[in-house]
PDB file of N, CA and C in Angstrom:
ATOM      1  N   MET A   1     126.702  65.198 115.818  1.00  0.00           N
ATOM      2  CA  MET A   1     125.655  65.874 116.496  1.00  0.00           C
ATOM      3  C   MET A   1     126.087  67.369 115.719  1.00  0.00           C
ATOM      4  N   ARG A   2     126.902  68.086 116.932  1.00  0.00           N
ATOM      5  CA  ARG A   2     126.338  69.813 117.072  1.00  0.00           C
ATOM      6  C   ARG A   2     127.267  69.845 115.265  1.00  0.00           C
ATOM      7  N   GLU A   3     128.119  69.252 114.790  1.00  0.00           N
ATOM      8  CA  GLU A   3     127.589  70.171 112.727  1.00  0.00           C
ATOM      9  C   GLU A   3     127.871  70.112 112.975  1.00  0.00           C
ATOM     10  N   SER A   4     126.895  69.459 112.162  1.00  0.00           N
ATOM     11  CA  SER A   4     125.410  69.079 111.742  1.00  0.00           C
ATOM     12  C   SER A   4     124.528  70.327 111.982  1.00  0.00           C
ATOM     13  N   MET A   5     124.407  70.470 113.096  1.00  0.00           N
ATOM     14  CA  MET A   5     123.679  71.661 113.608  1.00  0.00           C
ATOM     15  C   MET A   5     124.621  73.251 113.282  1.00  0.00           C
ATOM     16  N   ARG A   6     125.246  73.861 113.177  1.00  0.00           N
ATOM     17  CA  ARG A   6     126.321  74.205 112.786  1.00  0.00           C
ATOM     18  C   ARG A   6     125.921  74.742 111.785  1.00  0.00           C
ATOM     19  N   GLY A   7     126.584  73.256 110.478  1.00  0.00           N
ATOM     20  CA  GLY A   7     125.571  73.730 109.122  1.00  0.00           C
ATOM     21  C   GLY A   7     124.935  74.317 109.089  1.00  0.00           C
ATOM     22  N   GLY A   8     124.010  73.381 109.532  1.00  0.00           N
ATOM     23  CA  GLY A   8     121.723  74.058 109.178  1.00  0.00           C
ATOM     24  C   GLY A   8     122.483  75.548 109.993  1.00  0.00           C
ATOM     25  N   ARG A   9     122.399  75.902 110.753  1.00  0.00           N
ATOM     26  CA  ARG A   9     122.781  77.020 111.600  1.00  0.00           C
ATOM     27  C   ARG A   9     123.225  78.559 110.513  1.00  0.00           C
ATOM     28  N   GLU A  10     124.359  77.870 109.129  1.00  0.00           N
ATOM     29  CA  GLU A  10     125.370  78.851 108.354  1.00  0.00           C
ATOM     30  C   GLU A  10     124.091  78.603 107.721  1.00  0.00           C
ATOM     31  N   ARG A  11     124.072  77.781 106.652  1.00  0.00           N
ATOM     32  CA  ARG A  11     122.565  77.704 105.899  1.00  0.00           C
ATOM     33  C   ARG A  11     121.186  78.689 105.569  1.00  0.00           C
ATOM     34  N   ASN A  12     120.592  78.270 106.837  1.00  0.00           N
ATOM     35  CA  ASN A  12     119.708  79.248 107.504  1.00  0.00           C
ATOM     36  C   ASN A  12     120.250  80.964 107.499  1.00  0.00           C
ATOM     37  N   ILE A  13     121.466  81.291 107.566  1.00  0.00           N
ATOM     38  CA  ILE A  13     122.101  82.660 107.287  1.00  0.00           C
ATOM     39  C   ILE A  13     122.024  82.855 105.890  1.00  0.00           C
ATOM     40  N   MET A  14     122.897  81.577 106.058  1.00  0.00           N
ATOM     41  CA  MET A  14     122.716  81.672 103.806  1.00  0.00           C
ATOM     42  C   MET A  14     121.568  82.362 103.318  1.00  0.00           C
ATOM     43  N   ARG A  15     121.029  81.428 103.316  1.00  0.00           N
ATOM     44  CA  ARG A  15     119.620  81.724 102.772  1.00  0.00           C
ATOM     45  C   ARG A  15     118.608  83.121 103.164  1.00  0.00           C
ATOM     46  N   TRP A  16     119.004  83.445 104.464  1.00  0.00           N
ATOM     47  CA  TRP A  16     118.476  84.833 104.985  1.00  0.00           C
ATOM     48  C   TRP A  16     119.114  85.776 104.158  1.00  0.00           C
ATOM     49  N   GLU A  17     119.833  85.763 104.483  1.00  0.00           N
ATOM     50  CA  GLU A  17     121.388  86.920 103.271  1.00  0.00           C
ATOM     51  C   GLU A  17     120.837  86.549 102.141  1.00  0.00           C
ATOM     52  N   LEU A  18     120.857  85.668 101.350  1.00  0.00           N
ATOM     53  CA  LEU A  18     120.387  85.516  99.704  1.00  0.00           C
ATOM     54  C   LEU A  18     118.754  86.160  99.598  1.00  0.00           C
ATOM     55  N   ARG A  19     118.340  85.519 100.551  1.00  0.00           N
ATOM     56  CA  ARG A  19     116.299  86.194 100.107  1.00  0.00           C
ATOM     57  C   ARG A  19     116.508  87.558 100.046  1.00  0.00           C
ATOM     58  N   ALA A  20     117.308  88.147 101.397  1.00  0.00           N
ATOM     59  CA  ALA A  20     116.959  90.022 101.578  1.00  0.00           C
ATOM     60  C   ALA A  20     118.024  90.048 100.507  1.00  0.00           C
ATOM     61  N   THR A  21     118.862  90.121 100.402  1.00  0.00           N
ATOM     62  CA  THR A  21     120.171  90.420  98.741  1.00  0.00           C
ATOM     63  C   THR A  21     118.829  90.535  97.508  1.00  0.00           C
ATOM     64  N   LEU A  22     118.182  89.574  97.638  1.00  0.00           N
ATOM     65  CA  LEU A  22     117.807  89.215  96.692  1.00  0.00           C
ATOM     66  C   LEU A  22     116.267  90.900  97.149  1.00  0.00           C
ATOM     67  N   LEU A  23     115.414  91.095  97.509  1.00  0.00           N
ATOM     68  CA  LEU A  23     114.685  92.215  97.296  1.00  0.00           C
ATOM     69  C   LEU A  23     114.877  93.339  97.231  1.00  0.00           C
ATOM     70  N   ARG A  24     115.873  93.322  98.172  1.00  0.00           N
ATOM     71  CA  ARG A  24     116.956  94.609  98.306  1.00  0.00           C
ATOM     72  C   ARG A  24     117.271  95.260  96.486  1.00  0.00           C
ATOM     73  N   ASP A  25     117.887  94.006  95.558  1.00  0.00           N
ATOM     74  CA  ASP A  25     117.934  94.019  94.415  1.00  0.00           C
ATOM     75  C   ASP A  25     116.666  94.586  93.844  1.00  0.00           C
ATOM     76  N   GLN A  26     115.582  94.185  94.408  1.00  0.00           N
ATOM     77  CA  GLN A  26     114.468  93.756  93.032  1.00  0.00           C
ATOM     78  C   GLN A  26     113.885  95.027  93.619  1.00  0.00           C
ATOM     79  N   ILE A  27     113.898  95.536  95.473  1.00  0.00           N
ATOM     80  CA  ILE A  27     112.925  97.252  95.302  1.00  0.00           C
ATOM     81  C   ILE A  27     114.002  98.782  93.980  1.00  0.00           C
ATOM     82  N   ALA A  28     115.435  97.858  95.118  1.00  0.00           N
ATOM     83  CA  ALA A  28     116.357  98.930  94.385  1.00  0.00           C
ATOM     84  C   ALA A  28     115.738  99.246  92.432  1.00  0.00           C
ATOM     85  N   ARG A  29     115.742  98.022  91.842  1.00  0.00           N
ATOM     86  CA  ARG A  29     115.039  98.570  90.376  1.00  0.00           C
ATOM     87  C   ARG A  29     114.002  98.855  90.100  1.00  0.00           C
ATOM     88  N   LEU A  30     112.849  98.583  91.325  1.00  0.00           N
ATOM     89  CA  LEU A  30     111.402  99.079  91.227  1.00  0.00           C
ATOM     90  C   LEU A  30     112.152 100.348  91.685  1.00  0.00           C
ATOM     91  N   ASP A  31     112.586 101.306  92.731  1.00  0.00           N
ATOM     92  CA  ASP A  31     113.086 102.593  92.764  1.00  0.00           C
ATOM     93  C   ASP A  31     113.450 103.163  91.623  1.00  0.00           C
ATOM     94  N   GLU A  32     114.489 102.752  90.585  1.00  0.00           N
ATOM     95  CA  GLU A  32     114.838 103.006  89.065  1.00  0.00           C
ATOM     96  C   GLU A  32     113.941 102.936  88.172  1.00  0.00           C
ATOM     97  N   ARG A  33     112.989 102.627  88.214  1.00  0.00           N
ATOM     98  CA  ARG A  33     112.002 102.452  87.395  1.00  0.00           C
ATOM     99  C   ARG A  33     111.301 103.676  87.453  1.00  0.00           C
ATOM    100  N   LEU A  34     110.367 103.914  88.788  1.00  0.00           N
ATOM    101  CA  LEU A  34     110.335 105.027  89.138  1.00  0.00           C
ATOM    102  C   LEU A  34     110.540 106.431  89.107  1.00  0.00           C
ATOM    103  N   ALA A  35     111.676 106.502  89.262  1.00  0.00           N
ATOM    104  CA  ALA A  35     112.563 107.813  89.701  1.00  0.00           C
ATOM    105  C   ALA A  35     112.653 108.405  87.949  1.00  0.00           C
ATOM    106  N   HIS A  36     112.401 106.917  86.887  1.00  0.00           N
ATOM    107  CA  HIS A  36     112.927 106.960  85.129  1.00  0.00           C
ATOM    108  C   HIS A  36     111.175 107.847  84.886  1.00  0.00           C
ATOM    109  N   LEU A  37     110.017 106.750  85.293  1.00  0.00           N
ATOM    110  CA  LEU A  37     108.875 107.491  85.463  1.00  0.00           C
ATOM    111  C   LEU A  37     108.548 109.217  85.670  1.00  0.00           C
ATOM    112  N   ASP A  38     109.086 109.480  86.430  1.00  0.00           N
ATOM    113  CA  ASP A  38     109.295 110.971  87.384  1.00  0.00           C
ATOM    114  C   ASP A  38     109.618 112.077  87.100  1.00  0.00           C
ATOM    115  N   SER A  39     111.085 111.712  86.054  1.00  0.00           N
ATOM    116  CA  SER A  39     112.281 112.626  85.150  1.00  0.00           C
ATOM    117  C   SER A  39     111.839 112.958  84.313  1.00  0.00           C
ATOM    118  N   PRO A  40     112.394 114.227  83.494  1.00  0.00           N
ATOM    119  CA  PRO A  40     112.559 114.443  82.492  1.00  0.00           C
ATOM    120  C   PRO A  40     112.663 113.702  81.136  1.00  0.00           C
ATOM    121  N   ASP A  41     113.308 112.779  80.986  1.00  0.00           N
ATOM    122  CA  ASP A  41     113.405 111.863  80.411  1.00  0.00           C
ATOM    123  C   ASP A  41     112.242 110.377  80.404  1.00  0.00           C
ATOM    124  N   GLY A  42     111.117 110.639  80.952  1.00  0.00           N
ATOM    125  CA  GLY A  42     110.542 109.265  81.541  1.00  0.00           C
ATOM    126  C   GLY A  42     109.779 109.483  80.344  1.00  0.00           C
ATOM    127  N   PRO A  43     108.599 108.985  79.886  1.00  0.00           N
ATOM    128  CA  PRO A  43     107.274 109.252  79.454  1.00  0.00           C
ATOM    129  C   PRO A  43     107.446 111.066  78.580  1.00  0.00           C
ATOM    130  N   ASN A  44     106.519 110.868  76.970  1.00  0.00           N
ATOM    131  CA  ASN A  44     106.579 112.679  76.793  1.00  0.00           C
ATOM    132  C   ASN A  44     105.832 112.665  77.682  1.00  0.00           C
ATOM    133  N   VAL A  45     104.475 111.981  78.108  1.00  0.00           N
ATOM    134  CA  VAL A  45     102.979 112.637  78.983  1.00  0.00           C
ATOM    135  C   VAL A  45     102.770 112.594  80.091  1.00  0.00           C
ATOM    136  N   PRO A  46     103.702 113.333  80.735  1.00  0.00           N
ATOM    137  CA  PRO A  46     103.784 113.465  82.609  1.00  0.00           C
ATOM    138  C   PRO A  46     102.703 112.188  83.149  1.00  0.00           C
ATOM    139  N   ASP A  47     101.197 113.038  82.775  1.00  0.00           N
ATOM    140  CA  ASP A  47     100.121 112.179  83.842  1.00  0.00           C
ATOM    141  C   ASP A  47      99.242 111.513  83.022  1.00  0.00           C
ATOM    142  N   ALA A  48      99.667 110.744  82.245  1.00  0.00           N
ATOM    143  CA  ALA A  48      98.557 110.671  81.314  1.00  0.00           C
ATOM    144  C   ALA A  48      98.504 108.979  82.389  1.00  0.00           C
ATOM    145  N   PRO A  49      96.976 108.687  81.720  1.00  0.00           N
ATOM    146  CA  PRO A  49      96.449 107.624  82.841  1.00  0.00           C
ATOM    147  C   PRO A  49      97.038 106.266  82.746  1.00  0.00           C
ATOM    148  N   ALA A  50      97.705 106.098  81.776  1.00  0.00           N
ATOM    149  CA  ALA A  50      98.524 104.699  82.086  1.00  0.00           C
ATOM    150  C   ALA A  50      99.693 104.543  82.780  1.00  0.00           C
ATOM    151  N   GLN A  51     100.434 106.036  81.969  1.00  0.00           N
ATOM    152  CA  GLN A  51     101.709 106.214  83.546  1.00  0.00           C
ATOM    153  C   GLN A  51     101.451 106.367  84.882  1.00  0.00           C
ATOM    154  N   ARG A  52     100.081 107.009  85.111  1.00  0.00           N
ATOM    155  CA  ARG A  52      99.891 106.915  86.459  1.00  0.00           C
ATOM    156  C   ARG A  52      99.609 105.503  86.662  1.00  0.00           C
ATOM    157  N   ALA A  53      98.878 104.696  86.416  1.00  0.00           N
ATOM    158  CA  ALA A  53      98.836 103.698  87.001  1.00  0.00           C
ATOM    159  C   ALA A  53      99.738 102.918  86.681  1.00  0.00           C
ATOM    160  N   GLN A  54      99.936 102.579  85.631  1.00  0.00           N
ATOM    161  CA  GLN A  54     101.981 101.993  85.850  1.00  0.00           C
ATOM    162  C   GLN A  54     102.406 102.239  87.187  1.00  0.00           C
ATOM    163  N   ARG A  55     102.943 103.389  87.343  1.00  0.00           N
ATOM    164  CA  ARG A  55     103.191 103.549  88.317  1.00  0.00           C
ATOM    165  C   ARG A  55     102.870 103.149  89.777  1.00  0.00           C
ATOM    166  N   ASP A  56     101.268 103.107  90.133  1.00  0.00           N
ATOM    167  CA  ASP A  56     100.347 102.910  91.315  1.00  0.00           C
ATOM    168  C   ASP A  56     100.523 101.281  90.794  1.00  0.00           C
ATOM    169  N   LYS A  57     100.977 100.659  90.167  1.00  0.00           N
ATOM    170  CA  LYS A  57     101.298  99.392  89.817  1.00  0.00           C
ATOM    171  C   LYS A  57     102.989  98.290  91.428  1.00  0.00           C
ATOM    172  N   LEU A  58     103.908 100.344  90.700  1.00  0.00           N
ATOM    173  CA  LEU A  58     105.748  99.711  90.974  1.00  0.00           C
ATOM    174  C   LEU A  58     105.141 100.082  92.318  1.00  0.00           C
ATOM    175  N   LEU A  59     104.524 100.290  92.244  1.00  0.00           N
ATOM    176  CA  LEU A  59     104.097 101.136  94.096  1.00  0.00           C
ATOM    177  C   LEU A  59     103.870 100.259  95.113  1.00  0.00           C
ATOM    178  N   ALA A  60     102.988  99.998  94.823  1.00  0.00           N
ATOM    179  CA  ALA A  60     102.375  98.555  95.042  1.00  0.00           C
ATOM    180  C   ALA A  60     103.409  97.271  95.007  1.00  0.00           C
ATOM    181  N   GLN A  61     103.891  97.006  93.986  1.00  0.00           N
ATOM    182  CA  GLN A  61     105.029  95.642  94.313  1.00  0.00           C
ATOM    183  C   GLN A  61     106.372  96.283  95.288  1.00  0.00           C
ATOM    184  N   ARG A  62     106.315  97.126  95.240  1.00  0.00           N
ATOM    185  CA  ARG A  62     107.566  98.157  95.986  1.00  0.00           C
ATOM    186  C   ARG A  62     106.924  97.868  97.831  1.00  0.00           C
ATOM    187  N   VAL A  63     105.475  97.540  97.558  1.00  0.00           N
ATOM    188  CA  VAL A  63     105.539  97.817  99.131  1.00  0.00           C
ATOM    189  C   VAL A  63     105.269  96.514  99.419  1.00  0.00           C
ATOM    190  N   GLN A  64     104.699  95.702  98.173  1.00  0.00           N
ATOM    191  CA  GLN A  64     104.792  94.045  99.290  1.00  0.00           C
ATOM    192  C   GLN A  64     106.399  94.113  99.214  1.00  0.00           C
ATOM    193  N   LEU A  65     107.164  93.893  98.336  1.00  0.00           N
ATOM    194  CA  LEU A  65     108.919  93.597  99.005  1.00  0.00           C
ATOM    195  C   LEU A  65     108.677  93.557  99.910  1.00  0.00           C
ATOM    196  N   ALA A  66     108.740  95.310 100.026  1.00  0.00           N
ATOM    197  CA  ALA A  66     109.517  95.894 101.856  1.00  0.00           C
ATOM    198  C   ALA A  66     108.455  95.315 102.350  1.00  0.00           C
ATOM    199  N   ARG A  67     107.077  94.199 102.719  1.00  0.00           N
ATOM    200  CA  ARG A  67     106.546  93.880 103.642  1.00  0.00           C
ATOM    201  C   ARG A  67     107.271  92.230 103.844  1.00  0.00           C
ATOM    202  N   GLU A  68     108.059  91.891 102.340  1.00  0.00           N
ATOM    203  CA  GLU A  68     108.679  90.326 102.336  1.00  0.00           C
ATOM    204  C   GLU A  68     109.565  90.551 103.076  1.00  0.00           C
ATOM    205  N   LEU A  69     110.622  91.927 102.912  1.00  0.00           N
ATOM    206  CA  LEU A  69     111.867  92.152 103.808  1.00  0.00           C
ATOM    207  C   LEU A  69     111.976  92.298 105.025  1.00  0.00           C
ATOM    208  N   ASP A  70     110.579  92.893 106.067  1.00  0.00           N
ATOM    209  CA  ASP A  70     110.284  93.757 107.003  1.00  0.00           C
ATOM    210  C   ASP A  70     109.983  92.058 107.519  1.00  0.00           C
ATOM    211  N   ALA A  71     109.489  91.657 106.808  1.00  0.00           N
ATOM    212  CA  ALA A  71     108.690  89.619 107.291  1.00  0.00           C
ATOM    213  C   ALA A  71     109.762  88.855 107.812  1.00  0.00           C
ATOM    214  N   LEU A  72     111.070  88.922 106.929  1.00  0.00           N
ATOM    215  CA  LEU A  72     112.447  88.402 107.455  1.00  0.00           C
ATOM    216  C   LEU A  72     113.376  88.374 109.071  1.00  0.00           C
ATOM    217  N   GLY A  73     112.567  89.661 109.082  1.00  0.00           N
ATOM    218  CA  GLY A  73     112.996  89.639 110.923  1.00  0.00           C
ATOM    219  C   GLY A  73     114.167  90.411 111.013  1.00  0.00           C
ATOM    220  N   PRO A  74     115.139  90.238 112.111  1.00  0.00           N
ATOM    221  CA  PRO A  74     116.401  91.354 111.955  1.00  0.00           C
ATOM    222  C   PRO A  74     117.519  89.863 111.777  1.00  0.00           C
ATOM    223  N   ASP A  75     118.681  91.033 110.926  1.00  0.00           N
ATOM    224  CA  ASP A  75     119.472  89.622 110.190  1.00  0.00           C
ATOM    225  C   ASP A  75     121.033  88.911 111.233  1.00  0.00           C
ATOM    226  N   PRO A  76     120.402  88.225 110.636  1.00  0.00           N
ATOM    227  CA  PRO A  76     120.919  86.706 112.187  1.00  0.00           C
ATOM    228  C   PRO A  76     122.437  86.321 112.532  1.00  0.00           C
ATOM    229  N   HIS A  77     123.194  87.532 111.532  1.00  0.00           N
ATOM    230  CA  HIS A  77     124.779  87.576 112.421  1.00  0.00           C
ATOM    231  C   HIS A  77     123.792  88.167 113.342  1.00  0.00           C
ATOM    232  N   ALA A  78     125.317  87.348 114.432  1.00  0.00           N
ATOM    233  CA  ALA A  78     125.573  88.387 115.977  1.00  0.00           C
ATOM    234  C   ALA A  78     125.672  89.604 116.109  1.00  0.00           C
ATOM    235  N   LYS A  79     125.844  90.472 116.448  1.00  0.00           N
ATOM    236  CA  LYS A  79     125.793  92.033 116.057  1.00  0.00           C
ATOM    237  C   LYS A  79     127.048  92.197 117.867  1.00  0.00           C
ATOM    238  N   MET A  80     128.387  92.726 117.346  1.00  0.00           N
ATOM    239  CA  MET A  80     128.790  93.523 118.664  1.00  0.00           C
ATOM    240  C   MET A  80     128.948  94.838 118.747  1.00  0.00           C
ATOM    241  N   GLY A  81     128.635  95.364 120.110  1.00  0.00           N
ATOM    242  CA  GLY A  81     128.512  96.654 120.740  1.00  0.00           C
ATOM    243  C   GLY A  81     127.184  96.927 120.664  1.00  0.00           C
TER     244      GLY A  81
END
């Protein structure tokens, strides 16, 4: 019985790590897109309404992903020190 419990815990940790990694990667991609919008290499019209709408949409997605990451809770690995 202990073996199955340990395996279940390991699966839960792996599931947490995978979900956290996916969320962090999605946040990083959104940050890159936002940086591109704000860079001189971005769209030609810096304050166009369409660009502002796109930026607002990306920021809203980033906030949602950050909330999901926070909702995962702390890293399930035991910490030393």
